[in-house]
């Protein structure tokens, strides 16, 4: 399954996108009460995978569309970055 910032894995965990690892663990624990490995091994494997992907998002600090630094336009060169960081001397 392909990870997206706003859909999977959050939909499988039944939570909104977050960077809170404890929220991911709590959601996983809640879902374990419903998704059992002995009754539905495929759904259980998908839930485990969703938890891992969510934790990777948490570690990277990405939880929502627009919060990923990779989506922000980068300055063309260092001088342009420095020019926007501070006002010109004057």
Protein backbone atom coordinates (compact mmCIF):
# COMPACT_ATOMS: atom_id res chain seq x y z
CA UNK A 1 0.00 0.00 0.00
CA UNK A 2 1.27 3.45 -0.87
CA UNK A 3 1.70 5.92 1.97
CA UNK A 4 0.18 9.33 1.61
CA UNK A 5 0.40 12.16 4.05
CA UNK A 6 -3.36 12.60 4.41
CA UNK A 7 -4.78 9.08 3.79
CA UNK A 8 -2.94 5.87 4.52
CA UNK A 9 -1.76 5.07 7.22
CA UNK A 10 -4.02 7.40 9.19
CA UNK A 11 -7.26 5.91 7.88
CA UNK A 12 -6.26 2.39 8.95
CA UNK A 13 -5.33 3.67 12.41
CA UNK A 14 -8.56 5.73 12.59
CA UNK A 15 -6.73 8.94 13.55
CA UNK A 16 -5.98 12.28 11.98
CA UNK A 17 -2.47 12.90 10.66
CA UNK A 18 -0.11 13.61 13.55
CA UNK A 19 3.55 13.72 14.54
CA UNK A 20 2.70 12.44 18.04
CA UNK A 21 4.20 8.96 18.37
CA UNK A 22 2.18 8.20 21.50
CA UNK A 23 -1.04 8.98 19.61
CA UNK A 24 0.02 6.46 16.95
CA UNK A 25 0.75 3.81 19.59
CA UNK A 26 -2.59 4.44 21.34
CA UNK A 27 -4.48 4.24 18.05
CA UNK A 28 -2.68 1.00 17.18
CA UNK A 29 -3.58 -0.47 20.58
CA UNK A 30 -7.25 0.49 20.08
CA UNK A 31 -7.31 -1.10 16.63
CA UNK A 32 -5.72 -4.30 18.00
CA UNK A 33 -8.92 -4.87 19.98
CA UNK A 34 -10.79 -5.14 16.68
CA UNK A 35 -8.19 -6.39 14.20
CA UNK A 36 -6.97 -9.73 15.48
CA UNK A 37 -4.11 -11.72 13.90
CA UNK A 38 -5.87 -15.02 14.56
CA UNK A 39 -9.11 -14.01 12.82
CA UNK A 40 -7.81 -11.77 10.01
CA UNK A 41 -4.05 -12.14 9.42
CA UNK A 42 -4.08 -9.93 6.31
CA UNK A 43 -5.81 -7.01 8.07
CA UNK A 44 -3.47 -7.46 11.03
CA UNK A 45 -0.41 -7.29 8.74
CA UNK A 46 -1.81 -4.12 7.13
CA UNK A 47 -2.36 -2.59 10.58
CA UNK A 48 1.22 -3.37 11.63
CA UNK A 49 2.48 -1.83 8.40
CA UNK A 50 0.28 1.26 8.92
CA UNK A 51 1.75 1.72 12.40
CA UNK A 52 5.30 1.54 11.02
CA UNK A 53 4.56 4.04 8.26
CA UNK A 54 2.84 6.41 10.71
CA UNK A 55 5.84 6.23 13.04
CA UNK A 56 8.13 7.03 10.10
CA UNK A 57 6.00 10.10 9.36
CA UNK A 58 6.27 11.06 13.05
CA UNK A 59 10.06 10.69 13.00
CA UNK A 60 10.32 12.86 9.91
CA UNK A 61 8.01 15.51 11.35
CA UNK A 62 5.59 15.21 8.44
CA UNK A 63 1.94 14.69 9.23
CA UNK A 64 -0.09 16.97 6.95
CA UNK A 65 0.02 18.18 3.39
CA UNK A 66 1.97 21.42 3.30
CA UNK A 67 4.11 20.67 6.36
CA UNK A 68 6.75 18.76 4.43
CA UNK A 69 9.85 20.86 3.84
CA UNK A 70 10.33 19.05 0.54
CA UNK A 71 7.17 20.73 -0.76
CA UNK A 72 8.42 24.24 0.09
CA UNK A 73 10.15 25.99 -2.80
CA UNK A 74 13.86 26.27 -2.09
CA UNK A 75 15.83 29.38 -2.99
CA UNK A 76 17.82 29.03 -6.20
CA UNK A 77 21.14 29.75 -4.49
CA UNK A 78 22.60 30.65 -1.11
CA UNK A 79 22.71 34.40 -1.79
CA UNK A 80 18.98 34.39 -2.48
CA UNK A 81 18.39 32.51 0.78
CA UNK A 82 20.51 35.02 2.71
CA UNK A 83 18.79 37.97 1.04
CA UNK A 84 15.38 36.79 2.22
CA UNK A 85 16.60 35.92 5.71
CA UNK A 86 17.60 39.45 6.74
CA UNK A 87 16.88 42.96 5.52
CA UNK A 88 19.61 44.75 3.56
CA UNK A 89 21.92 46.97 5.61
CA UNK A 90 20.99 50.52 5.39
